[in-house]
Amino acid sequence: MDDVKIMLVEDHHLVRQGVFALLSQVPEFKVIGEAGDGLEAIRKAQELQPDIVILDIAMPKLRGIEAIKEIIRVSEDSRILVLSMHNKEEYIRQSLKNGASGYLLKDSAADELIAAIKYVARGEVYLSPSISKSIVADWLHASALGRAAGEFKSPLTDREMEILKLLAEGHSNRETGELLHISVKTVETHRSRIMEKLELKNVADLVKYAIKNELTELS
């Protein structure tokens, strides 16, 4: 991976220092700027054009949720990773609608922050696992309701939906097979078909698909 230019936006100096120290240990990460409020974040994003902006949403002068749109406007290639203590659906939904590429909770492990940055830098969506499962569950629920009402036409069969649900809940291929009384090989075959039908590569892509197609309440 090429060097990833990162800007930190956090009004608590101590937290910002901690994140800076962590990211400095990753050779390909280059922290090129910092900001302590939403307005300063917009100015510095326009000046520095970072690849990734790690952004808190609760900040003075201009909230991070509102700053997301403006940062993307002045620095079109920047991707926003929200780092927040808030796991309220409203904050997550608004952040994603405004253009954020990821939402990570502050109680996440350091390794997860590093992984999230790499995901977002590759153009993928990254959400904390608990949030991801919630969105996948909403997607499955919306799909089932839509099919019952004759509105949403899912390309997946009922069996594929069952397998997708179990895999999204964190079950392994073997556990899924045991729960559905089918072989691991059959699970793997269905999983490949699911990803092929939806043109997806992983669960993160499934989340992105759900948001894009407004199949979840967070879209």
N, C-alpha and C. Protein backbone atom coordinates (compact mmCIF):
# COMPACT_ATOMS: atom_id res chain seq x y z
N MET A 1 0.84 -1.20 0.00
CA MET A 1 0.00 0.00 0.00
C MET A 1 0.87 1.25 0.00
N ASP A 2 0.51 2.23 -0.85
CA ASP A 2 1.23 3.50 -0.86
C ASP A 2 0.96 4.23 0.45
N ASP A 3 1.78 5.26 0.71
CA ASP A 3 1.57 6.05 1.92
C ASP A 3 0.15 6.63 1.95
N VAL A 4 -0.47 6.56 3.11
CA VAL A 4 -1.81 7.10 3.30
C VAL A 4 -1.70 8.38 4.12
N LYS A 5 -2.10 9.49 3.51
CA LYS A 5 -2.04 10.79 4.19
C LYS A 5 -3.29 10.97 5.05
N ILE A 6 -3.08 11.20 6.33
CA ILE A 6 -4.19 11.23 7.28
C ILE A 6 -4.26 12.57 8.01
N MET A 7 -5.47 13.06 8.20
CA MET A 7 -5.70 14.24 9.02
C MET A 7 -6.58 13.85 10.20
N LEU A 8 -6.21 14.28 11.40
CA LEU A 8 -6.95 13.97 12.61
C LEU A 8 -7.81 15.16 13.02
N VAL A 9 -9.08 14.91 13.27
CA VAL A 9 -9.99 15.97 13.71
C VAL A 9 -10.65 15.53 15.01
N GLU A 10 -10.22 16.13 16.10
CA GLU A 10 -10.67 15.75 17.44
C GLU A 10 -10.43 16.92 18.37
N ASP A 11 -11.47 17.32 19.13
CA ASP A 11 -11.32 18.50 19.98
C ASP A 11 -10.62 18.21 21.30
N HIS A 12 -10.50 16.95 21.68
CA HIS A 12 -9.77 16.60 22.90
C HIS A 12 -8.31 16.33 22.56
N HIS A 13 -7.45 17.22 23.01
CA HIS A 13 -6.04 17.15 22.64
C HIS A 13 -5.39 15.83 23.06
N LEU A 14 -5.74 15.35 24.24
CA LEU A 14 -5.14 14.11 24.74
C LEU A 14 -5.51 12.92 23.85
N VAL A 15 -6.77 12.87 23.43
CA VAL A 15 -7.21 11.80 22.53
C VAL A 15 -6.48 11.89 21.20
N ARG A 16 -6.37 13.12 20.69
CA ARG A 16 -5.69 13.33 19.41
C ARG A 16 -4.24 12.88 19.50
N GLN A 17 -3.58 13.17 20.61
CA GLN A 17 -2.19 12.75 20.80
C GLN A 17 -2.08 11.23 20.80
N GLY A 18 -3.04 10.58 21.45
CA GLY A 18 -3.01 9.12 21.52
C GLY A 18 -3.17 8.47 20.16
N VAL A 19 -4.10 8.99 19.36
CA VAL A 19 -4.32 8.45 18.02
C VAL A 19 -3.09 8.72 17.15
N PHE A 20 -2.53 9.92 17.28
CA PHE A 20 -1.32 10.28 16.52
C PHE A 20 -0.19 9.30 16.84
N ALA A 21 0.01 9.02 18.13
CA ALA A 21 1.08 8.12 18.55
C ALA A 21 0.87 6.72 17.97
N LEU A 22 -0.38 6.27 17.97
CA LEU A 22 -0.69 4.94 17.44
C LEU A 22 -0.41 4.87 15.94
N LEU A 23 -0.89 5.86 15.20
CA LEU A 23 -0.74 5.83 13.74
C LEU A 23 0.72 6.02 13.32
N SER A 24 1.49 6.69 14.16
CA SER A 24 2.91 6.91 13.84
C SER A 24 3.70 5.60 13.83
N GLN A 25 3.13 4.56 14.42
CA GLN A 25 3.81 3.26 14.46
C GLN A 25 3.59 2.45 13.18
N VAL A 26 2.69 2.93 12.32
CA VAL A 26 2.40 2.23 11.07
C VAL A 26 3.16 2.93 9.94
N PRO A 27 4.14 2.26 9.33
CA PRO A 27 5.02 2.92 8.35
C PRO A 27 4.30 3.62 7.21
N GLU A 28 3.21 3.02 6.70
CA GLU A 28 2.54 3.63 5.54
C GLU A 28 1.56 4.74 5.89
N PHE A 29 1.35 4.99 7.18
CA PHE A 29 0.46 6.07 7.60
C PHE A 29 1.26 7.34 7.87
N LYS A 30 0.83 8.43 7.28
CA LYS A 30 1.48 9.72 7.47
C LYS A 30 0.45 10.75 7.95
N VAL A 31 0.54 11.14 9.21
CA VAL A 31 -0.38 12.16 9.73
C VAL A 31 0.14 13.52 9.28
N ILE A 32 -0.62 14.17 8.40
CA ILE A 32 -0.14 15.42 7.79
C ILE A 32 -0.81 16.66 8.38
N GLY A 33 -1.79 16.46 9.26
CA GLY A 33 -2.44 17.62 9.84
C GLY A 33 -3.41 17.25 10.94
N GLU A 34 -3.74 18.24 11.76
CA GLU A 34 -4.68 18.05 12.86
C GLU A 34 -5.60 19.26 12.95
N ALA A 35 -6.80 19.02 13.50
CA ALA A 35 -7.75 20.11 13.70
C ALA A 35 -8.54 19.83 14.97
N GLY A 36 -8.98 20.91 15.63
CA GLY A 36 -9.68 20.76 16.89
C GLY A 36 -11.16 21.11 16.83
N ASP A 37 -11.64 21.54 15.65
CA ASP A 37 -13.07 21.82 15.50
C ASP A 37 -13.46 21.67 14.04
N GLY A 38 -14.76 21.69 13.77
CA GLY A 38 -15.25 21.43 12.43
C GLY A 38 -14.82 22.45 11.39
N LEU A 39 -14.82 23.72 11.75
CA LEU A 39 -14.43 24.76 10.80
C LEU A 39 -12.96 24.67 10.43
N GLU A 40 -12.13 24.43 11.44
CA GLU A 40 -10.70 24.27 11.18
C GLU A 40 -10.45 23.04 10.31
N ALA A 41 -11.24 22.00 10.52
CA ALA A 41 -11.10 20.78 9.73
C ALA A 41 -11.34 21.04 8.25
N ILE A 42 -12.35 21.85 7.95
CA ILE A 42 -12.66 22.16 6.55
C ILE A 42 -11.53 22.96 5.92
N ARG A 43 -11.02 23.95 6.65
CA ARG A 43 -9.92 24.77 6.12
C ARG A 43 -8.68 23.92 5.85
N LYS A 44 -8.34 23.06 6.80
CA LYS A 44 -7.12 22.27 6.64
C LYS A 44 -7.29 21.17 5.59
N ALA A 45 -8.49 20.64 5.46
CA ALA A 45 -8.73 19.63 4.43
C ALA A 45 -8.54 20.24 3.05
N GLN A 46 -9.02 21.46 2.87
CA GLN A 46 -8.85 22.14 1.59
C GLN A 46 -7.38 22.41 1.30
N GLU A 47 -6.64 22.74 2.33
CA GLU A 47 -5.21 23.06 2.17
C GLU A 47 -4.37 21.80 1.96
N LEU A 48 -4.64 20.75 2.73
CA LEU A 48 -3.76 19.57 2.76
C LEU A 48 -4.20 18.44 1.83
N GLN A 49 -5.49 18.38 1.49
CA GLN A 49 -6.02 17.32 0.62
C GLN A 49 -5.61 15.92 1.12
N PRO A 50 -6.00 15.56 2.32
CA PRO A 50 -5.62 14.25 2.87
C PRO A 50 -6.37 13.10 2.19
N ASP A 51 -5.79 11.91 2.27
CA ASP A 51 -6.48 10.72 1.76
C ASP A 51 -7.60 10.32 2.72
N ILE A 52 -7.30 10.37 4.01
CA ILE A 52 -8.24 9.96 5.05
C ILE A 52 -8.38 11.06 6.09
N VAL A 53 -9.61 11.34 6.48
CA VAL A 53 -9.87 12.25 7.59
C VAL A 53 -10.53 11.44 8.70
N ILE A 54 -9.85 11.34 9.83
CA ILE A 54 -10.43 10.67 11.00
C ILE A 54 -11.11 11.75 11.83
N LEU A 55 -12.42 11.61 11.97
CA LEU A 55 -13.24 12.72 12.44
C LEU A 55 -14.15 12.33 13.60
N ASP A 56 -14.10 13.12 14.67
CA ASP A 56 -15.08 12.96 15.74
C ASP A 56 -16.33 13.75 15.34
N ILE A 57 -17.49 13.35 15.83
CA ILE A 57 -18.71 14.06 15.41
C ILE A 57 -19.17 15.09 16.43
N ALA A 58 -18.68 14.99 17.66
CA ALA A 58 -19.08 15.95 18.69
C ALA A 58 -17.96 16.96 18.89
N MET A 59 -18.06 18.09 18.18
CA MET A 59 -17.00 19.09 18.23
C MET A 59 -17.58 20.50 18.29
N PRO A 60 -16.78 21.46 18.76
CA PRO A 60 -17.25 22.85 18.81
C PRO A 60 -17.27 23.50 17.43
N LYS A 61 -18.00 24.62 17.35
CA LYS A 61 -18.10 25.48 16.16
C LYS A 61 -18.91 24.85 15.03
N LEU A 62 -18.57 23.63 14.64
CA LEU A 62 -19.35 22.93 13.62
C LEU A 62 -19.24 21.44 13.89
N ARG A 63 -20.39 20.79 14.07
CA ARG A 63 -20.38 19.36 14.37
C ARG A 63 -19.76 18.56 13.23
N GLY A 64 -19.15 17.45 13.61
CA GLY A 64 -18.51 16.61 12.62
C GLY A 64 -19.46 16.12 11.55
N ILE A 65 -20.71 15.83 11.93
CA ILE A 65 -21.69 15.33 10.96
C ILE A 65 -21.90 16.35 9.84
N GLU A 66 -21.99 17.64 10.22
CA GLU A 66 -22.15 18.68 9.20
C GLU A 66 -20.84 18.92 8.44
N ALA A 67 -19.72 18.75 9.12
CA ALA A 67 -18.42 19.01 8.50
C ALA A 67 -18.10 17.99 7.40
N ILE A 68 -18.67 16.79 7.50
CA ILE A 68 -18.37 15.74 6.52
C ILE A 68 -18.64 16.22 5.10
N LYS A 69 -19.82 16.77 4.87
CA LYS A 69 -20.18 17.24 3.52
C LYS A 69 -19.21 18.30 3.02
N GLU A 70 -18.88 19.24 3.90
CA GLU A 70 -18.01 20.34 3.49
C GLU A 70 -16.59 19.87 3.21
N ILE A 71 -16.11 18.93 4.01
CA ILE A 71 -14.76 18.40 3.78
C ILE A 71 -14.69 17.72 2.42
N ILE A 72 -15.71 16.93 2.10
CA ILE A 72 -15.74 16.25 0.81
C ILE A 72 -15.86 17.26 -0.33
N ARG A 73 -16.58 18.36 -0.08
CA ARG A 73 -16.74 19.38 -1.11
C ARG A 73 -15.41 20.06 -1.45
N VAL A 74 -14.59 20.35 -0.42
CA VAL A 74 -13.34 21.06 -0.67
C VAL A 74 -12.16 20.12 -0.93
N SER A 75 -12.36 18.84 -0.64
CA SER A 75 -11.30 17.85 -0.87
C SER A 75 -11.96 16.56 -1.36
N GLU A 76 -12.29 16.54 -2.64
CA GLU A 76 -13.16 15.51 -3.21
C GLU A 76 -12.63 14.09 -3.04
N ASP A 77 -11.33 13.92 -3.02
CA ASP A 77 -10.77 12.57 -2.94
C ASP A 77 -10.59 12.08 -1.50
N SER A 78 -10.87 12.94 -0.54
CA SER A 78 -10.73 12.54 0.86
C SER A 78 -11.85 11.59 1.26
N ARG A 79 -11.50 10.61 2.07
CA ARG A 79 -12.49 9.68 2.62
C ARG A 79 -12.57 9.91 4.13
N ILE A 80 -13.78 9.88 4.64
CA ILE A 80 -14.01 10.22 6.04
C ILE A 80 -14.25 8.96 6.86
N LEU A 81 -13.47 8.81 7.92
CA LEU A 81 -13.68 7.73 8.90
C LEU A 81 -14.09 8.39 10.21
N VAL A 82 -15.33 8.20 10.61
CA VAL A 82 -15.81 8.76 11.87
C VAL A 82 -15.31 7.89 13.02
N LEU A 83 -14.74 8.55 14.02
CA LEU A 83 -14.29 7.86 15.24
C LEU A 83 -15.03 8.51 16.40
N SER A 84 -16.01 7.79 16.94
CA SER A 84 -16.92 8.41 17.90
C SER A 84 -17.26 7.47 19.05
N MET A 85 -17.65 8.07 20.17
CA MET A 85 -18.13 7.29 21.30
C MET A 85 -19.63 6.99 21.18
N HIS A 86 -20.28 7.65 20.22
CA HIS A 86 -21.73 7.54 20.07
C HIS A 86 -22.10 6.40 19.12
N ASN A 87 -22.96 5.50 19.58
CA ASN A 87 -23.42 4.42 18.71
C ASN A 87 -24.91 4.55 18.40
N LYS A 88 -25.44 5.76 18.55
CA LYS A 88 -26.85 5.99 18.24
C LYS A 88 -27.08 5.89 16.74
N GLU A 89 -28.19 5.25 16.38
CA GLU A 89 -28.51 5.05 14.97
C GLU A 89 -28.56 6.36 14.20
N GLU A 90 -29.10 7.40 14.84
CA GLU A 90 -29.24 8.69 14.17
C GLU A 90 -27.89 9.23 13.72
N TYR A 91 -26.87 9.14 14.59
CA TYR A 91 -25.54 9.64 14.24
C TYR A 91 -24.92 8.82 13.11
N ILE A 92 -25.06 7.51 13.20
CA ILE A 92 -24.49 6.63 12.18
C ILE A 92 -25.16 6.89 10.83
N ARG A 93 -26.48 6.95 10.85
CA ARG A 93 -27.24 7.17 9.61
C ARG A 93 -26.85 8.49 8.95
N GLN A 94 -26.81 9.56 9.74
CA GLN A 94 -26.49 10.87 9.17
C GLN A 94 -25.05 10.93 8.66
N SER A 95 -24.14 10.31 9.38
CA SER A 95 -22.74 10.31 8.94
C SER A 95 -22.60 9.62 7.60
N LEU A 96 -23.25 8.47 7.45
CA LEU A 96 -23.16 7.72 6.19
C LEU A 96 -23.86 8.47 5.06
N LYS A 97 -25.01 9.06 5.35
CA LYS A 97 -25.73 9.80 4.32
C LYS A 97 -24.94 11.02 3.86
N ASN A 98 -24.20 11.63 4.77
CA ASN A 98 -23.43 12.82 4.42
C ASN A 98 -22.13 12.49 3.70
N GLY A 99 -21.80 11.20 3.61
CA GLY A 99 -20.64 10.82 2.81
C GLY A 99 -19.52 10.11 3.51
N ALA A 100 -19.67 9.81 4.80
CA ALA A 100 -18.61 9.09 5.52
C ALA A 100 -18.44 7.69 4.93
N SER A 101 -17.20 7.22 4.92
CA SER A 101 -16.90 5.89 4.40
C SER A 101 -16.73 4.86 5.51
N GLY A 102 -16.79 5.32 6.76
CA GLY A 102 -16.64 4.38 7.86
C GLY A 102 -17.10 5.01 9.16
N TYR A 103 -17.44 4.15 10.12
CA TYR A 103 -17.88 4.61 11.43
C TYR A 103 -17.34 3.63 12.46
N LEU A 104 -16.44 4.11 13.30
CA LEU A 104 -15.77 3.26 14.27
C LEU A 104 -16.01 3.82 15.67
N LEU A 105 -16.32 2.93 16.60
CA LEU A 105 -16.55 3.36 17.97
C LEU A 105 -15.22 3.50 18.71
N LYS A 106 -15.17 4.46 19.63
CA LYS A 106 -13.91 4.76 20.32
C LYS A 106 -13.48 3.66 21.29
N ASP A 107 -14.37 2.75 21.61
CA ASP A 107 -13.96 1.66 22.49
C ASP A 107 -13.37 0.48 21.71
N SER A 108 -13.15 0.69 20.41
CA SER A 108 -12.55 -0.35 19.58
C SER A 108 -11.07 -0.52 19.91
N ALA A 109 -10.54 -1.68 19.59
CA ALA A 109 -9.12 -1.95 19.82
C ALA A 109 -8.27 -1.17 18.81
N ALA A 110 -7.02 -0.95 19.17
CA ALA A 110 -6.11 -0.21 18.29
C ALA A 110 -5.97 -0.89 16.93
N ASP A 111 -5.90 -2.21 16.92
CA ASP A 111 -5.76 -2.95 15.66
C ASP A 111 -6.96 -2.72 14.75
N GLU A 112 -8.13 -2.53 15.36
CA GLU A 112 -9.32 -2.31 14.54
C GLU A 112 -9.28 -0.94 13.86
N LEU A 113 -8.75 0.05 14.56
CA LEU A 113 -8.61 1.37 13.94
C LEU A 113 -7.68 1.30 12.74
N ILE A 114 -6.58 0.60 12.89
CA ILE A 114 -5.63 0.46 11.79
C ILE A 114 -6.29 -0.27 10.61
N ALA A 115 -7.03 -1.33 10.92
CA ALA A 115 -7.72 -2.08 9.87
C ALA A 115 -8.77 -1.20 9.18
N ALA A 116 -9.49 -0.41 9.96
CA ALA A 116 -10.53 0.46 9.41
C ALA A 116 -9.93 1.47 8.43
N ILE A 117 -8.80 2.05 8.79
CA ILE A 117 -8.14 3.02 7.91
C ILE A 117 -7.75 2.35 6.59
N LYS A 118 -7.23 1.14 6.67
CA LYS A 118 -6.81 0.44 5.46
C LYS A 118 -8.01 0.10 4.58
N TYR A 119 -9.11 -0.31 5.20
CA TYR A 119 -10.34 -0.59 4.44
C TYR A 119 -10.80 0.66 3.70
N VAL A 120 -10.93 1.75 4.43
CA VAL A 120 -11.44 2.99 3.85
C VAL A 120 -10.49 3.51 2.77
N ALA A 121 -9.19 3.36 2.99
CA ALA A 121 -8.21 3.81 2.00
C ALA A 121 -8.33 3.04 0.68
N ARG A 122 -8.83 1.80 0.77
CA ARG A 122 -9.03 0.98 -0.44
C ARG A 122 -10.36 1.27 -1.12
N GLY A 123 -11.12 2.19 -0.55
CA GLY A 123 -12.40 2.53 -1.14
C GLY A 123 -13.56 1.70 -0.63
N GLU A 124 -13.34 0.96 0.46
CA GLU A 124 -14.40 0.14 1.03
C GLU A 124 -15.05 0.86 2.21
N VAL A 125 -16.20 0.33 2.62
CA VAL A 125 -16.89 0.85 3.80
C VAL A 125 -16.48 0.02 5.00
N TYR A 126 -16.19 0.69 6.12
CA TYR A 126 -15.86 -0.04 7.35
C TYR A 126 -16.75 0.46 8.48
N LEU A 127 -17.40 -0.48 9.14
CA LEU A 127 -18.21 -0.17 10.31
C LEU A 127 -17.80 -1.09 11.45
N SER A 128 -17.87 -0.60 12.67
CA SER A 128 -17.62 -1.45 13.83
C SER A 128 -18.49 -2.70 13.72
N PRO A 129 -17.97 -3.87 14.09
CA PRO A 129 -18.70 -5.13 13.92
C PRO A 129 -20.13 -5.10 14.44
N SER A 130 -20.37 -4.51 15.61
CA SER A 130 -21.73 -4.47 16.16
C SER A 130 -22.66 -3.68 15.25
N ILE A 131 -22.14 -2.61 14.64
CA ILE A 131 -22.94 -1.81 13.72
C ILE A 131 -23.19 -2.59 12.44
N SER A 132 -22.15 -3.28 11.94
CA SER A 132 -22.27 -4.05 10.70
C SER A 132 -23.37 -5.10 10.82
N LYS A 133 -23.38 -5.83 11.95
CA LYS A 133 -24.38 -6.88 12.14
C LYS A 133 -25.78 -6.28 12.16
N SER A 134 -25.91 -5.11 12.77
CA SER A 134 -27.22 -4.46 12.83
C SER A 134 -27.71 -4.09 11.44
N ILE A 135 -26.82 -3.56 10.61
CA ILE A 135 -27.20 -3.17 9.26
C ILE A 135 -27.56 -4.38 8.42
N VAL A 136 -26.76 -5.44 8.54
CA VAL A 136 -27.05 -6.67 7.79
C VAL A 136 -28.40 -7.23 8.21
N ALA A 137 -28.68 -7.21 9.51
CA ALA A 137 -29.97 -7.71 10.01
C ALA A 137 -31.11 -6.88 9.44
N ASP A 138 -30.93 -5.55 9.40
CA ASP A 138 -31.96 -4.67 8.84
C ASP A 138 -32.17 -4.97 7.35
N TRP A 139 -31.06 -5.22 6.66
CA TRP A 139 -31.14 -5.52 5.22
C TRP A 139 -31.94 -6.80 4.99
N LEU A 140 -31.65 -7.82 5.78
CA LEU A 140 -32.36 -9.08 5.65
C LEU A 140 -33.85 -8.90 5.96
N HIS A 141 -34.14 -8.12 6.99
CA HIS A 141 -35.53 -7.88 7.37
C HIS A 141 -36.26 -7.12 6.28
N ALA A 142 -35.62 -6.08 5.74
CA ALA A 142 -36.24 -5.29 4.68
C ALA A 142 -36.47 -6.14 3.44
N SER A 143 -35.51 -7.01 3.15
CA SER A 143 -35.64 -7.88 1.99
C SER A 143 -36.83 -8.82 2.15
N ALA A 144 -36.95 -9.41 3.35
CA ALA A 144 -38.05 -10.35 3.61
C ALA A 144 -39.40 -9.64 3.51
N LEU A 145 -39.50 -8.45 4.10
CA LEU A 145 -40.75 -7.69 4.05
C LEU A 145 -41.09 -7.30 2.62
N GLY A 146 -40.07 -6.87 1.88
CA GLY A 146 -40.29 -6.44 0.51
C GLY A 146 -40.77 -7.58 -0.37
N ARG A 147 -40.17 -8.75 -0.18
CA ARG A 147 -40.58 -9.90 -0.99
C ARG A 147 -42.01 -10.29 -0.66
N ALA A 148 -42.37 -10.22 0.63
CA ALA A 148 -43.73 -10.58 1.04
C ALA A 148 -44.75 -9.61 0.44
N ALA A 149 -44.36 -8.36 0.31
CA ALA A 149 -45.27 -7.35 -0.24
C ALA A 149 -45.18 -7.25 -1.76
N GLY A 150 -44.25 -8.00 -2.34
CA GLY A 150 -44.08 -7.97 -3.78
C GLY A 150 -43.37 -6.73 -4.28
N GLU A 151 -42.63 -6.05 -3.38
CA GLU A 151 -41.97 -4.80 -3.76
C GLU A 151 -40.50 -5.01 -4.09
N PHE A 152 -39.73 -5.51 -3.11
CA PHE A 152 -38.30 -5.69 -3.32
C PHE A 152 -38.02 -7.09 -3.85
N LYS A 153 -37.42 -7.18 -4.99
CA LYS A 153 -37.13 -8.47 -5.61
C LYS A 153 -35.68 -8.87 -5.32
N SER A 154 -35.51 -9.68 -4.31
CA SER A 154 -34.17 -10.14 -3.97
C SER A 154 -33.74 -11.21 -4.95
N PRO A 155 -32.48 -11.19 -5.38
CA PRO A 155 -31.99 -12.23 -6.28
C PRO A 155 -31.67 -13.52 -5.54
N LEU A 156 -31.78 -13.50 -4.20
CA LEU A 156 -31.41 -14.66 -3.40
C LEU A 156 -32.60 -15.58 -3.14
N THR A 157 -32.31 -16.87 -3.08
CA THR A 157 -33.34 -17.84 -2.72
C THR A 157 -33.53 -17.83 -1.21
N ASP A 158 -34.58 -18.49 -0.74
CA ASP A 158 -34.83 -18.55 0.70
C ASP A 158 -33.65 -19.21 1.43
N ARG A 159 -33.09 -20.26 0.84
CA ARG A 159 -31.96 -20.95 1.46
C ARG A 159 -30.74 -20.03 1.52
N GLU A 160 -30.51 -19.29 0.45
CA GLU A 160 -29.38 -18.36 0.44
C GLU A 160 -29.56 -17.26 1.48
N MET A 161 -30.80 -16.82 1.66
CA MET A 161 -31.07 -15.82 2.69
C MET A 161 -30.78 -16.38 4.08
N GLU A 162 -31.13 -17.64 4.31
CA GLU A 162 -30.85 -18.28 5.60
C GLU A 162 -29.35 -18.33 5.86
N ILE A 163 -28.61 -18.74 4.83
CA ILE A 163 -27.16 -18.86 4.97
C ILE A 163 -26.53 -17.49 5.16
N LEU A 164 -26.99 -16.52 4.40
CA LEU A 164 -26.47 -15.16 4.54
C LEU A 164 -26.68 -14.63 5.95
N LYS A 165 -27.85 -14.88 6.51
CA LYS A 165 -28.16 -14.41 7.86
C LYS A 165 -27.21 -15.03 8.88
N LEU A 166 -26.99 -16.33 8.79
CA LEU A 166 -26.12 -17.01 9.74
C LEU A 166 -24.67 -16.55 9.61
N LEU A 167 -24.20 -16.40 8.38
CA LEU A 167 -22.83 -15.94 8.16
C LEU A 167 -22.66 -14.51 8.67
N ALA A 168 -23.67 -13.68 8.43
CA ALA A 168 -23.61 -12.28 8.89
C ALA A 168 -23.60 -12.19 10.40
N GLU A 169 -24.20 -13.18 11.06
CA GLU A 169 -24.23 -13.19 12.52
C GLU A 169 -22.92 -13.69 13.12
N GLY A 170 -21.99 -14.08 12.24
CA GLY A 170 -20.68 -14.48 12.72
C GLY A 170 -20.44 -15.98 12.78
N HIS A 171 -21.39 -16.78 12.30
CA HIS A 171 -21.20 -18.23 12.30
C HIS A 171 -20.22 -18.63 11.20
N SER A 172 -19.40 -19.62 11.49
CA SER A 172 -18.47 -20.13 10.49
C SER A 172 -19.23 -20.99 9.48
N ASN A 173 -18.55 -21.37 8.40
CA ASN A 173 -19.17 -22.25 7.42
C ASN A 173 -19.61 -23.57 8.06
N ARG A 174 -18.75 -24.10 8.94
CA ARG A 174 -19.07 -25.37 9.60
C ARG A 174 -20.29 -25.23 10.52
N GLU A 175 -20.31 -24.15 11.31
CA GLU A 175 -21.45 -23.93 12.22
C GLU A 175 -22.74 -23.72 11.44
N THR A 176 -22.64 -23.00 10.33
CA THR A 176 -23.81 -22.77 9.49
C THR A 176 -24.34 -24.09 8.94
N GLY A 177 -23.42 -24.93 8.49
CA GLY A 177 -23.81 -26.24 7.97
C GLY A 177 -24.50 -27.09 9.02
N GLU A 178 -23.97 -27.06 10.23
CA GLU A 178 -24.55 -27.86 11.32
C GLU A 178 -25.95 -27.36 11.67
N LEU A 179 -26.13 -26.05 11.69
CA LEU A 179 -27.44 -25.49 12.03
C LEU A 179 -28.49 -25.78 10.96
N LEU A 180 -28.05 -25.84 9.71
CA LEU A 180 -28.99 -26.08 8.61
C LEU A 180 -28.98 -27.53 8.13
N HIS A 181 -28.13 -28.35 8.78
CA HIS A 181 -28.04 -29.78 8.44
C HIS A 181 -27.61 -30.00 6.99
N ILE A 182 -26.61 -29.22 6.58
CA ILE A 182 -26.03 -29.39 5.25
C ILE A 182 -24.51 -29.43 5.41
N SER A 183 -23.82 -29.85 4.36
CA SER A 183 -22.37 -29.99 4.44
C SER A 183 -21.67 -28.64 4.33
N VAL A 184 -20.42 -28.60 4.80
CA VAL A 184 -19.62 -27.38 4.71
C VAL A 184 -19.44 -26.99 3.24
N LYS A 185 -19.24 -28.00 2.39
CA LYS A 185 -19.06 -27.73 0.96
C LYS A 185 -20.29 -27.06 0.37
N THR A 186 -21.48 -27.50 0.81
CA THR A 186 -22.72 -26.89 0.32
C THR A 186 -22.82 -25.44 0.77
N VAL A 187 -22.42 -25.18 2.02
CA VAL A 187 -22.43 -23.81 2.53
C VAL A 187 -21.50 -22.94 1.69
N GLU A 188 -20.31 -23.45 1.42
CA GLU A 188 -19.33 -22.69 0.64
C GLU A 188 -19.85 -22.39 -0.76
N THR A 189 -20.55 -23.37 -1.34
CA THR A 189 -21.12 -23.17 -2.68
C THR A 189 -22.18 -22.08 -2.66
N HIS A 190 -23.07 -22.15 -1.65
CA HIS A 190 -24.11 -21.12 -1.53
C HIS A 190 -23.50 -19.75 -1.28
N ARG A 191 -22.47 -19.71 -0.45
CA ARG A 191 -21.83 -18.42 -0.14
C ARG A 191 -21.25 -17.80 -1.41
N SER A 192 -20.62 -18.62 -2.23
CA SER A 192 -20.05 -18.12 -3.48
C SER A 192 -21.14 -17.58 -4.39
N ARG A 193 -22.27 -18.29 -4.43
CA ARG A 193 -23.39 -17.84 -5.27
C ARG A 193 -23.99 -16.53 -4.77
N ILE A 194 -24.08 -16.40 -3.44
CA ILE A 194 -24.61 -15.17 -2.85
C ILE A 194 -23.76 -13.98 -3.27
N MET A 195 -22.45 -14.11 -3.08
CA MET A 195 -21.55 -13.01 -3.42
C MET A 195 -21.55 -12.74 -4.93
N GLU A 196 -21.69 -13.81 -5.71
CA GLU A 196 -21.71 -13.64 -7.16
C GLU A 196 -22.98 -12.92 -7.61
N LYS A 197 -24.12 -13.33 -7.04
CA LYS A 197 -25.40 -12.71 -7.41
C LYS A 197 -25.44 -11.23 -7.05
N LEU A 198 -24.89 -10.92 -5.88
CA LEU A 198 -24.91 -9.53 -5.42
C LEU A 198 -23.68 -8.75 -5.89
N GLU A 199 -22.77 -9.47 -6.58
CA GLU A 199 -21.52 -8.86 -7.07
C GLU A 199 -20.73 -8.24 -5.92
N LEU A 200 -20.60 -9.01 -4.85
CA LEU A 200 -19.91 -8.55 -3.65
C LEU A 200 -18.74 -9.47 -3.33
N LYS A 201 -17.82 -8.96 -2.51
CA LYS A 201 -16.64 -9.74 -2.14
C LYS A 201 -16.64 -10.15 -0.68
N ASN A 202 -17.29 -9.36 0.17
CA ASN A 202 -17.26 -9.64 1.60
C ASN A 202 -18.44 -8.95 2.29
N VAL A 203 -18.54 -9.12 3.62
CA VAL A 203 -19.65 -8.54 4.37
C VAL A 203 -19.62 -7.01 4.31
N ALA A 204 -18.43 -6.44 4.28
CA ALA A 204 -18.33 -4.98 4.17
C ALA A 204 -18.98 -4.49 2.88
N ASP A 205 -18.79 -5.25 1.79
CA ASP A 205 -19.42 -4.89 0.53
C ASP A 205 -20.94 -5.03 0.63
N LEU A 206 -21.40 -6.02 1.40
CA LEU A 206 -22.83 -6.20 1.60
C LEU A 206 -23.43 -4.98 2.30
N VAL A 207 -22.72 -4.47 3.30
CA VAL A 207 -23.16 -3.27 4.01
C VAL A 207 -23.26 -2.10 3.03
N LYS A 208 -22.23 -1.95 2.21
CA LYS A 208 -22.20 -0.87 1.23
C LYS A 208 -23.38 -0.99 0.26
N TYR A 209 -23.67 -2.21 -0.15
CA TYR A 209 -24.79 -2.49 -1.06
C TYR A 209 -26.11 -2.10 -0.40
N ALA A 210 -26.27 -2.45 0.88
CA ALA A 210 -27.50 -2.15 1.59
C ALA A 210 -27.73 -0.65 1.72
N ILE A 211 -26.65 0.08 2.02
CA ILE A 211 -26.76 1.53 2.16
C ILE A 211 -27.10 2.17 0.82
N LYS A 212 -26.40 1.76 -0.22
CA LYS A 212 -26.59 2.34 -1.55
C LYS A 212 -28.00 2.13 -2.06
N ASN A 213 -28.56 0.95 -1.80
CA ASN A 213 -29.88 0.62 -2.32
C ASN A 213 -31.01 0.89 -1.33
N GLU A 214 -30.67 1.58 -0.23
CA GLU A 214 -31.66 1.98 0.77
C GLU A 214 -32.49 0.80 1.25
N LEU A 215 -31.78 -0.30 1.53
CA LEU A 215 -32.44 -1.50 2.03
C LEU A 215 -32.34 -1.61 3.54
N THR A 216 -31.86 -0.56 4.18
CA THR A 216 -31.71 -0.54 5.62
C THR A 216 -32.16 0.79 6.16
N GLU A 217 -32.57 0.81 7.41
CA GLU A 217 -33.01 2.06 8.04
C GLU A 217 -31.87 3.06 8.17
N LEU A 218 -30.62 2.59 8.02
CA LEU A 218 -29.48 3.50 8.13
C LEU A 218 -29.14 4.13 6.80
N SER A 219 -29.88 3.80 5.74
CA SER A 219 -29.56 4.36 4.43
C SER A 219 -30.11 5.77 4.30
